[in-house]
């Protein structure tokens, strides 16, 4: 493809700006749709979300009738397996 160094006419410039605006809008809307779609998929696949909600409601109903101490087994077993170090390259 050869590149000429002729100046753009105002009509050419307007068409180019309209195309750029259309592409920017299209990619923005496409990205938002992709993020929303992935969000719905992840929300549906999150198995622990529904189990945690049902156990929280059953715990609150049983806590109102009895004085049971809250369990912390989930927090005790959730230990990180490795540490993550973030290194930023500087000048």
PDB file of N, CA and C in Angstrom:
ATOM      1  N   UNK A   1       0.850  -1.169   0.000  1.00  0.00           N
ATOM      2  CA  UNK A   1       0.000   0.000   0.000  1.00  0.00           C
ATOM      3  C   UNK A   1       0.888   1.221   0.000  1.00  0.00           C
ATOM      4  N   UNK A   2       0.658   2.094  -0.909  1.00  0.00           N
ATOM      5  CA  UNK A   2       1.465   3.306  -0.987  1.00  0.00           C
ATOM      6  C   UNK A   2       0.804   4.394  -0.171  1.00  0.00           C
ATOM      7  N   UNK A   3       1.641   5.223   0.388  1.00  0.00           N
ATOM      8  CA  UNK A   3       1.158   6.301   1.248  1.00  0.00           C
ATOM      9  C   UNK A   3       1.464   7.618   0.570  1.00  0.00           C
ATOM     10  N   UNK A   4       0.451   8.388   0.296  1.00  0.00           N
ATOM     11  CA  UNK A   4       0.663   9.696  -0.309  1.00  0.00           C
ATOM     12  C   UNK A   4       0.621  10.751   0.781  1.00  0.00           C
ATOM     13  N   UNK A   5       1.368  11.788   0.573  1.00  0.00           N
ATOM     14  CA  UNK A   5       1.429  12.851   1.577  1.00  0.00           C
ATOM     15  C   UNK A   5       0.515  14.011   1.213  1.00  0.00           C
ATOM     16  N   UNK A   6      -0.617  13.717   0.645  1.00  0.00           N
ATOM     17  CA  UNK A   6      -1.549  14.785   0.312  1.00  0.00           C
ATOM     18  C   UNK A   6      -2.384  15.115   1.535  1.00  0.00           C
ATOM     19  N   UNK A   7      -2.705  16.351   1.751  1.00  0.00           N
ATOM     20  CA  UNK A   7      -3.545  16.707   2.904  1.00  0.00           C
ATOM     21  C   UNK A   7      -4.971  16.193   2.723  1.00  0.00           C
ATOM     22  N   UNK A   8      -5.582  15.848   3.823  1.00  0.00           N
ATOM     23  CA  UNK A   8      -6.954  15.359   3.775  1.00  0.00           C
ATOM     24  C   UNK A   8      -7.915  16.520   3.565  1.00  0.00           C
ATOM     25  N   UNK A   9      -8.933  16.251   2.802  1.00  0.00           N
ATOM     26  CA  UNK A   9      -9.976  17.256   2.635  1.00  0.00           C
ATOM     27  C   UNK A   9     -10.862  17.225   3.876  1.00  0.00           C
ATOM     28  N   UNK A  10     -11.607  18.285   4.106  1.00  0.00           N
ATOM     29  CA  UNK A  10     -12.510  18.278   5.271  1.00  0.00           C
ATOM     30  C   UNK A  10     -13.509  17.126   5.242  1.00  0.00           C
ATOM     31  N   UNK A  11     -13.957  16.727   4.055  1.00  0.00           N
ATOM     32  CA  UNK A  11     -14.910  15.598   3.955  1.00  0.00           C
ATOM     33  C   UNK A  11     -14.218  14.290   4.335  1.00  0.00           C
ATOM     34  N   UNK A  12     -12.966  14.098   3.888  1.00  0.00           N
ATOM     35  CA  UNK A  12     -12.205  12.894   4.257  1.00  0.00           C
ATOM     36  C   UNK A  12     -11.964  12.839   5.763  1.00  0.00           C
ATOM     37  N   UNK A  13     -11.621  13.988   6.320  1.00  0.00           N
ATOM     38  CA  UNK A  13     -11.367  14.055   7.760  1.00  0.00           C
ATOM     39  C   UNK A  13     -12.639  13.752   8.555  1.00  0.00           C
ATOM     40  N   UNK A  14     -13.772  14.268   8.105  1.00  0.00           N
ATOM     41  CA  UNK A  14     -15.044  14.008   8.785  1.00  0.00           C
ATOM     42  C   UNK A  14     -15.421  12.531   8.716  1.00  0.00           C
ATOM     43  N   UNK A  15     -15.202  11.914   7.539  1.00  0.00           N
ATOM     44  CA  UNK A  15     -15.486  10.487   7.412  1.00  0.00           C
ATOM     45  C   UNK A  15     -14.581   9.657   8.327  1.00  0.00           C
ATOM     46  N   UNK A  16     -13.320  10.041   8.413  1.00  0.00           N
ATOM     47  CA  UNK A  16     -12.386   9.304   9.274  1.00  0.00           C
ATOM     48  C   UNK A  16     -12.772   9.445  10.742  1.00  0.00           C
ATOM     49  N   UNK A  17     -13.152  10.642  11.147  1.00  0.00           N
ATOM     50  CA  UNK A  17     -13.571  10.840  12.540  1.00  0.00           C
ATOM     51  C   UNK A  17     -14.867  10.086  12.846  1.00  0.00           C
ATOM     52  N   UNK A  18     -15.786  10.053  11.899  1.00  0.00           N
ATOM     53  CA  UNK A  18     -17.035   9.307  12.100  1.00  0.00           C
ATOM     54  C   UNK A  18     -16.748   7.816  12.219  1.00  0.00           C
ATOM     55  N   UNK A  19     -15.834   7.315  11.387  1.00  0.00           N
ATOM     56  CA  UNK A  19     -15.460   5.891  11.462  1.00  0.00           C
ATOM     57  C   UNK A  19     -14.793   5.579  12.800  1.00  0.00           C
ATOM     58  N   UNK A  20     -13.908   6.464  13.245  1.00  0.00           N
ATOM     59  CA  UNK A  20     -13.246   6.264  14.536  1.00  0.00           C
ATOM     60  C   UNK A  20     -14.257   6.285  15.677  1.00  0.00           C
ATOM     61  N   UNK A  21     -15.197   7.212  15.617  1.00  0.00           N
ATOM     62  CA  UNK A  21     -16.237   7.298  16.650  1.00  0.00           C
ATOM     63  C   UNK A  21     -17.102   6.043  16.654  1.00  0.00           C
ATOM     64  N   UNK A  22     -17.449   5.543  15.458  1.00  0.00           N
ATOM     65  CA  UNK A  22     -18.279   4.337  15.340  1.00  0.00           C
ATOM     66  C   UNK A  22     -17.534   3.106  15.867  1.00  0.00           C
ATOM     67  N   UNK A  23     -16.244   2.995  15.531  1.00  0.00           N
ATOM     68  CA  UNK A  23     -15.449   1.869  16.032  1.00  0.00           C
ATOM     69  C   UNK A  23     -15.290   1.926  17.549  1.00  0.00           C
ATOM     70  N   UNK A  24     -15.036   3.113  18.075  1.00  0.00           N
ATOM     71  CA  UNK A  24     -14.878   3.259  19.526  1.00  0.00           C
ATOM     72  C   UNK A  24     -16.161   2.878  20.251  1.00  0.00           C
ATOM     73  N   UNK A  25     -17.286   3.354  19.750  1.00  0.00           N
ATOM     74  CA  UNK A  25     -18.571   3.026  20.371  1.00  0.00           C
ATOM     75  C   UNK A  25     -18.862   1.536  20.274  1.00  0.00           C
ATOM     76  N   UNK A  26     -18.572   0.946  19.112  1.00  0.00           N
ATOM     77  CA  UNK A  26     -18.832  -0.488  18.935  1.00  0.00           C
ATOM     78  C   UNK A  26     -17.993  -1.336  19.884  1.00  0.00           C
ATOM     79  N   UNK A  27     -16.704  -1.019  19.988  1.00  0.00           N
ATOM     80  CA  UNK A  27     -15.851  -1.795  20.883  1.00  0.00           C
ATOM     81  C   UNK A  27     -16.230  -1.579  22.352  1.00  0.00           C
ATOM     82  N   UNK A  28     -16.646  -0.387  22.707  1.00  0.00           N
ATOM     83  CA  UNK A  28     -17.078  -0.128  24.081  1.00  0.00           C
ATOM     84  C   UNK A  28     -18.324  -0.942  24.427  1.00  0.00           C
ATOM     85  N   UNK A  29     -19.304  -0.910  23.549  1.00  0.00           N
ATOM     86  CA  UNK A  29     -20.532  -1.677  23.808  1.00  0.00           C
ATOM     87  C   UNK A  29     -20.269  -3.178  23.783  1.00  0.00           C
ATOM     88  N   UNK A  30     -19.415  -3.624  22.876  1.00  0.00           N
ATOM     89  CA  UNK A  30     -19.063  -5.041  22.840  1.00  0.00           C
ATOM     90  C   UNK A  30     -18.338  -5.481  24.105  1.00  0.00           C
ATOM     91  N   UNK A  31     -17.433  -4.642  24.593  1.00  0.00           N
ATOM     92  CA  UNK A  31     -16.726  -4.967  25.830  1.00  0.00           C
ATOM     93  C   UNK A  31     -17.654  -5.008  27.028  1.00  0.00           C
ATOM     94  N   UNK A  32     -18.571  -4.058  27.098  1.00  0.00           N
ATOM     95  CA  UNK A  32     -19.537  -4.059  28.206  1.00  0.00           C
ATOM     96  C   UNK A  32     -20.432  -5.293  28.156  1.00  0.00           C
ATOM     97  N   UNK A  33     -20.846  -5.675  26.960  1.00  0.00           N
ATOM     98  CA  UNK A  33     -21.679  -6.876  26.830  1.00  0.00           C
ATOM     99  C   UNK A  33     -20.893  -8.122  27.237  1.00  0.00           C
ATOM    100  N   UNK A  34     -19.615  -8.180  26.865  1.00  0.00           N
ATOM    101  CA  UNK A  34     -18.797  -9.341  27.232  1.00  0.00           C
ATOM    102  C   UNK A  34     -18.602  -9.412  28.740  1.00  0.00           C
ATOM    103  N   UNK A  35     -18.340  -8.287  29.374  1.00  0.00           N
ATOM    104  CA  UNK A  35     -18.159  -8.282  30.829  1.00  0.00           C
ATOM    105  C   UNK A  35     -19.452  -8.671  31.535  1.00  0.00           C
ATOM    106  N   UNK A  36     -20.566  -8.140  31.073  1.00  0.00           N
ATOM    107  CA  UNK A  36     -21.854  -8.495  31.684  1.00  0.00           C
ATOM    108  C   UNK A  36     -22.159  -9.982  31.480  1.00  0.00           C
ATOM    109  N   UNK A  37     -21.890 -10.489  30.288  1.00  0.00           N
ATOM    110  CA  UNK A  37     -22.133 -11.912  30.029  1.00  0.00           C
ATOM    111  C   UNK A  37     -21.267 -12.801  30.900  1.00  0.00           C
ATOM    112  N   UNK A  38     -19.991 -12.469  31.007  1.00  0.00           N
ATOM    113  CA  UNK A  38     -19.107 -13.254  31.875  1.00  0.00           C
ATOM    114  C   UNK A  38     -19.518 -13.140  33.338  1.00  0.00           C
ATOM    115  N   UNK A  39     -19.990 -11.974  33.732  1.00  0.00           N
ATOM    116  CA  UNK A  39     -20.458 -11.812  35.107  1.00  0.00           C
ATOM    117  C   UNK A  39     -21.639 -12.711  35.423  1.00  0.00           C
ATOM    118  N   UNK A  40     -22.574 -12.809  34.494  1.00  0.00           N
ATOM    119  CA  UNK A  40     -23.718 -13.695  34.705  1.00  0.00           C
ATOM    120  C   UNK A  40     -23.289 -15.156  34.742  1.00  0.00           C
ATOM    121  N   UNK A  41     -22.368 -15.535  33.862  1.00  0.00           N
ATOM    122  CA  UNK A  41     -21.897 -16.927  33.844  1.00  0.00           C
ATOM    123  C   UNK A  41     -21.185 -17.261  35.144  1.00  0.00           C
ATOM    124  N   UNK A  42     -20.313 -16.381  35.600  1.00  0.00           N
ATOM    125  CA  UNK A  42     -19.581 -16.638  36.839  1.00  0.00           C
ATOM    126  C   UNK A  42     -20.532 -16.670  38.023  1.00  0.00           C
ATOM    127  N   UNK A  43     -21.527 -15.799  38.015  1.00  0.00           N
ATOM    128  CA  UNK A  43     -22.496 -15.793  39.117  1.00  0.00           C
ATOM    129  C   UNK A  43     -23.257 -17.109  39.165  1.00  0.00           C
ATOM    130  N   UNK A  44     -23.629 -17.647  38.011  1.00  0.00           N
ATOM    131  CA  UNK A  44     -24.356 -18.920  37.979  1.00  0.00           C
ATOM    132  C   UNK A  44     -23.457 -20.100  38.336  1.00  0.00           C
ATOM    133  N   UNK A  45     -22.181 -20.001  38.029  1.00  0.00           N
ATOM    134  CA  UNK A  45     -21.269 -21.111  38.303  1.00  0.00           C
ATOM    135  C   UNK A  45     -20.705 -21.091  39.723  1.00  0.00           C
ATOM    136  N   UNK A  46     -20.909 -20.003  40.450  1.00  0.00           N
ATOM    137  CA  UNK A  46     -20.384 -19.892  41.805  1.00  0.00           C
ATOM    138  C   UNK A  46     -21.212 -20.778  42.725  1.00  0.00           C
ATOM    139  N   UNK A  47     -20.740 -22.005  42.935  1.00  0.00           N
ATOM    140  CA  UNK A  47     -21.491 -23.005  43.690  1.00  0.00           C
ATOM    141  C   UNK A  47     -21.599 -22.614  45.165  1.00  0.00           C
ATOM    142  N   UNK A  48     -20.568 -22.052  45.724  1.00  0.00           N
ATOM    143  CA  UNK A  48     -20.574 -21.701  47.141  1.00  0.00           C
ATOM    144  C   UNK A  48     -21.503 -20.562  47.482  1.00  0.00           C
ATOM    145  N   UNK A  49     -21.872 -19.767  46.492  1.00  0.00           N
ATOM    146  CA  UNK A  49     -22.734 -18.619  46.742  1.00  0.00           C
ATOM    147  C   UNK A  49     -24.109 -19.052  47.250  1.00  0.00           C
ATOM    148  N   UNK A  50     -24.731 -20.001  46.606  1.00  0.00           N
ATOM    149  CA  UNK A  50     -26.059 -20.464  47.017  1.00  0.00           C
ATOM    150  C   UNK A  50     -25.975 -21.241  48.326  1.00  0.00           C
ATOM    151  N   UNK A  51     -24.930 -22.031  48.512  1.00  0.00           N
ATOM    152  CA  UNK A  51     -24.781 -22.798  49.743  1.00  0.00           C
ATOM    153  C   UNK A  51     -24.532 -21.871  50.928  1.00  0.00           C
ATOM    154  N   UNK A  52     -23.757 -20.822  50.720  1.00  0.00           N
ATOM    155  CA  UNK A  52     -23.481 -19.879  51.809  1.00  0.00           C
ATOM    156  C   UNK A  52     -24.738 -19.119  52.193  1.00  0.00           C
ATOM    157  N   UNK A  53     -25.549 -18.758  51.219  1.00  0.00           N
ATOM    158  CA  UNK A  53     -26.786 -18.038  51.513  1.00  0.00           C
ATOM    159  C   UNK A  53     -27.771 -18.919  52.276  1.00  0.00           C
ATOM    160  N   UNK A  54     -27.887 -20.188  51.888  1.00  0.00           N
ATOM    161  CA  UNK A  54     -28.826 -21.066  52.580  1.00  0.00           C
ATOM    162  C   UNK A  54     -28.316 -21.415  53.970  1.00  0.00           C
ATOM    163  N   UNK A  55     -27.005 -21.590  54.135  1.00  0.00           N
ATOM    164  CA  UNK A  55     -26.489 -21.902  55.467  1.00  0.00           C
ATOM    165  C   UNK A  55     -26.567 -20.684  56.372  1.00  0.00           C
ATOM    166  N   UNK A  56     -26.439 -19.487  55.809  1.00  0.00           N
ATOM    167  CA  UNK A  56     -26.558 -18.282  56.627  1.00  0.00           C
ATOM    168  C   UNK A  56     -27.983 -18.110  57.129  1.00  0.00           C
ATOM    169  N   UNK A  57     -28.975 -18.405  56.291  1.00  0.00           N
ATOM    170  CA  UNK A  57     -30.362 -18.276  56.733  1.00  0.00           C
ATOM    171  C   UNK A  57     -30.716 -19.360  57.746  1.00  0.00           C
ATOM    172  N   UNK A  58     -30.173 -20.582  57.577  1.00  0.00           N
ATOM    173  CA  UNK A  58     -30.467 -21.624  58.549  1.00  0.00           C
ATOM    174  C   UNK A  58     -29.726 -21.358  59.860  1.00  0.00           C
ATOM    175  N   UNK A  59     -28.551 -20.755  59.793  1.00  0.00           N
ATOM    176  CA  UNK A  59     -27.814 -20.417  61.011  1.00  0.00           C
ATOM    177  C   UNK A  59     -28.529 -19.319  61.771  1.00  0.00           C
ATOM    178  N   UNK A  60     -29.055 -18.327  61.046  1.00  0.00           N
ATOM    179  CA  UNK A  60     -29.748 -17.244  61.742  1.00  0.00           C
ATOM    180  C   UNK A  60     -31.048 -17.739  62.362  1.00  0.00           C
ATOM    181  N   UNK A  61     -31.723 -18.685  61.729  1.00  0.00           N
ATOM    182  CA  UNK A  61     -32.960 -19.189  62.312  1.00  0.00           C
ATOM    183  C   UNK A  61     -32.654 -20.086  63.510  1.00  0.00           C
ATOM    184  N   UNK A  62     -31.556 -20.857  63.442  1.00  0.00           N
ATOM    185  CA  UNK A  62     -31.227 -21.696  64.587  1.00  0.00           C
ATOM    186  C   UNK A  62     -30.606 -20.865  65.702  1.00  0.00           C
ATOM    187  N   UNK A  63     -29.972 -19.759  65.360  1.00  0.00           N
ATOM    188  CA  UNK A  63     -29.384 -18.906  66.383  1.00  0.00           C
ATOM    189  C   UNK A  63     -30.460 -18.192  67.183  1.00  0.00           C
ATOM    190  N   UNK A  64     -31.619 -17.971  66.593  1.00  0.00           N
ATOM    191  CA  UNK A  64     -32.683 -17.304  67.325  1.00  0.00           C
ATOM    192  C   UNK A  64     -33.323 -18.245  68.341  1.00  0.00           C
ATOM    193  N   UNK A  65     -33.251 -19.553  68.120  1.00  0.00           N
ATOM    194  CA  UNK A  65     -33.862 -20.476  69.060  1.00  0.00           C
ATOM    195  C   UNK A  65     -32.851 -21.006  70.077  1.00  0.00           C
ATOM    196  N   UNK A  66     -31.591 -21.105  69.680  1.00  0.00           N
ATOM    197  CA  UNK A  66     -30.566 -21.590  70.594  1.00  0.00           C
ATOM    198  C   UNK A  66     -29.415 -20.599  70.636  1.00  0.00           C
ATOM    199  N   UNK A  67     -28.558 -20.770  71.616  1.00  0.00           N
ATOM    200  CA  UNK A  67     -27.390 -19.888  71.725  1.00  0.00           C
ATOM    201  C   UNK A  67     -26.161 -20.662  71.286  1.00  0.00           C
ATOM    202  N   UNK A  68     -26.050 -20.912  69.998  1.00  0.00           N
ATOM    203  CA  UNK A  68     -24.908 -21.642  69.454  1.00  0.00           C
ATOM    204  C   UNK A  68     -23.799 -20.655  69.105  1.00  0.00           C
ATOM    205  N   UNK A  69     -22.574 -21.048  69.393  1.00  0.00           N
ATOM    206  CA  UNK A  69     -21.429 -20.199  69.061  1.00  0.00           C
ATOM    207  C   UNK A  69     -21.156 -20.295  67.562  1.00  0.00           C
ATOM    208  N   UNK A  70     -20.796 -19.172  66.929  1.00  0.00           N
ATOM    209  CA  UNK A  70     -20.506 -19.230  65.494  1.00  0.00           C
ATOM    210  C   UNK A  70     -19.238 -20.037  65.227  1.00  0.00           C
ATOM    211  N   UNK A  71     -19.261 -20.751  64.139  1.00  0.00           N
ATOM    212  CA  UNK A  71     -18.110 -21.576  63.789  1.00  0.00           C
ATOM    213  C   UNK A  71     -17.156 -20.786  62.908  1.00  0.00           C
ATOM    214  N   UNK A  72     -15.870 -21.020  63.093  1.00  0.00           N
ATOM    215  CA  UNK A  72     -14.851 -20.341  62.283  1.00  0.00           C
ATOM    216  C   UNK A  72     -14.004 -21.360  61.548  1.00  0.00           C
ATOM    217  N   UNK A  73     -14.569 -22.523  61.252  1.00  0.00           N
ATOM    218  CA  UNK A  73     -13.810 -23.575  60.583  1.00  0.00           C
ATOM    219  C   UNK A  73     -13.424 -23.156  59.171  1.00  0.00           C
ATOM    220  N   UNK A  74     -14.299 -22.418  58.494  1.00  0.00           N
ATOM    221  CA  UNK A  74     -13.986 -22.010  57.118  1.00  0.00           C
ATOM    222  C   UNK A  74     -12.811 -21.049  57.094  1.00  0.00           C
ATOM    223  N   UNK A  75     -12.758 -20.129  58.054  1.00  0.00           N
ATOM    224  CA  UNK A  75     -11.654 -19.177  58.042  1.00  0.00           C
ATOM    225  C   UNK A  75     -10.363 -19.830  58.518  1.00  0.00           C
ATOM    226  N   UNK A  76     -10.463 -20.865  59.348  1.00  0.00           N
ATOM    227  CA  UNK A  76      -9.253 -21.518  59.831  1.00  0.00           C
ATOM    228  C   UNK A  76      -8.623 -22.391  58.758  1.00  0.00           C
ATOM    229  N   UNK A  77      -9.439 -22.937  57.864  1.00  0.00           N
ATOM    230  CA  UNK A  77      -8.885 -23.810  56.835  1.00  0.00           C
ATOM    231  C   UNK A  77      -8.484 -23.059  55.582  1.00  0.00           C
ATOM    232  N   UNK A  78      -8.869 -21.808  55.465  1.00  0.00           N
ATOM    233  CA  UNK A  78      -8.545 -21.040  54.263  1.00  0.00           C
ATOM    234  C   UNK A  78      -7.202 -20.343  54.435  1.00  0.00           C
ATOM    235  N   UNK A  79      -6.135 -21.107  54.395  1.00  0.00           N
ATOM    236  CA  UNK A  79      -4.804 -20.518  54.508  1.00  0.00           C
ATOM    237  C   UNK A  79      -4.180 -20.442  53.132  1.00  0.00           C
ATOM    238  N   UNK A  80      -3.453 -19.368  52.860  1.00  0.00           N
ATOM    239  CA  UNK A  80      -2.829 -19.255  51.535  1.00  0.00           C
ATOM    240  C   UNK A  80      -1.728 -20.296  51.367  1.00  0.00           C
ATOM    241  N   UNK A  81      -1.649 -20.868  50.156  1.00  0.00           N
ATOM    242  CA  UNK A  81      -0.662 -21.902  49.904  1.00  0.00           C
ATOM    243  C   UNK A  81       0.681 -21.316  49.531  1.00  0.00           C
ATOM    244  N   UNK A  82       0.712 -20.115  49.003  1.00  0.00           N
ATOM    245  CA  UNK A  82       1.969 -19.468  48.684  1.00  0.00           C
ATOM    246  C   UNK A  82       1.792 -17.966  48.738  1.00  0.00           C
ATOM    247  N   UNK A  83       2.868 -17.262  48.929  1.00  0.00           N
ATOM    248  CA  UNK A  83       2.771 -15.808  48.981  1.00  0.00           C
ATOM    249  C   UNK A  83       3.039 -15.262  47.596  1.00  0.00           C
ATOM    250  N   UNK A  84       2.417 -14.149  47.301  1.00  0.00           N
ATOM    251  CA  UNK A  84       2.563 -13.508  46.016  1.00  0.00           C
ATOM    252  C   UNK A  84       3.344 -12.208  46.187  1.00  0.00           C
ATOM    253  N   UNK A  85       4.367 -12.052  45.380  1.00  0.00           N
ATOM    254  CA  UNK A  85       5.178 -10.850  45.430  1.00  0.00           C
ATOM    255  C   UNK A  85       5.038 -10.121  44.106  1.00  0.00           C
ATOM    256  N   UNK A  86       4.679  -8.838  44.184  1.00  0.00           N
ATOM    257  CA  UNK A  86       4.538  -8.037  42.993  1.00  0.00           C
ATOM    258  C   UNK A  86       5.763  -7.164  42.864  1.00  0.00           C
ATOM    259  N   UNK A  87       6.445  -7.289  41.740  1.00  0.00           N
ATOM    260  CA  UNK A  87       7.651  -6.518  41.508  1.00  0.00           C
ATOM    261  C   UNK A  87       7.375  -5.568  40.350  1.00  0.00           C
ATOM    262  N   UNK A  88       7.618  -4.289  40.578  1.00  0.00           N
ATOM    263  CA  UNK A  88       7.398  -3.293  39.541  1.00  0.00           C
ATOM    264  C   UNK A  88       8.754  -2.860  38.987  1.00  0.00           C
ATOM    265  N   UNK A  89       8.870  -2.926  37.707  1.00  0.00           N
ATOM    266  CA  UNK A  89      10.114  -2.499  37.074  1.00  0.00           C
ATOM    267  C   UNK A  89      10.159  -0.983  36.995  1.00  0.00           C
ATOM    268  N   UNK A  90      11.224  -0.403  37.408  1.00  0.00           N
ATOM    269  CA  UNK A  90      11.344   1.050  37.396  1.00  0.00           C
ATOM    270  C   UNK A  90      12.491   1.494  36.523  1.00  0.00           C
ATOM    271  N   UNK A  91      12.627   2.780  36.379  1.00  0.00           N
ATOM    272  CA  UNK A  91      13.734   3.277  35.559  1.00  0.00           C
ATOM    273  C   UNK A  91      14.872   3.756  36.419  1.00  0.00           C
TER     274      UNK A  91
END
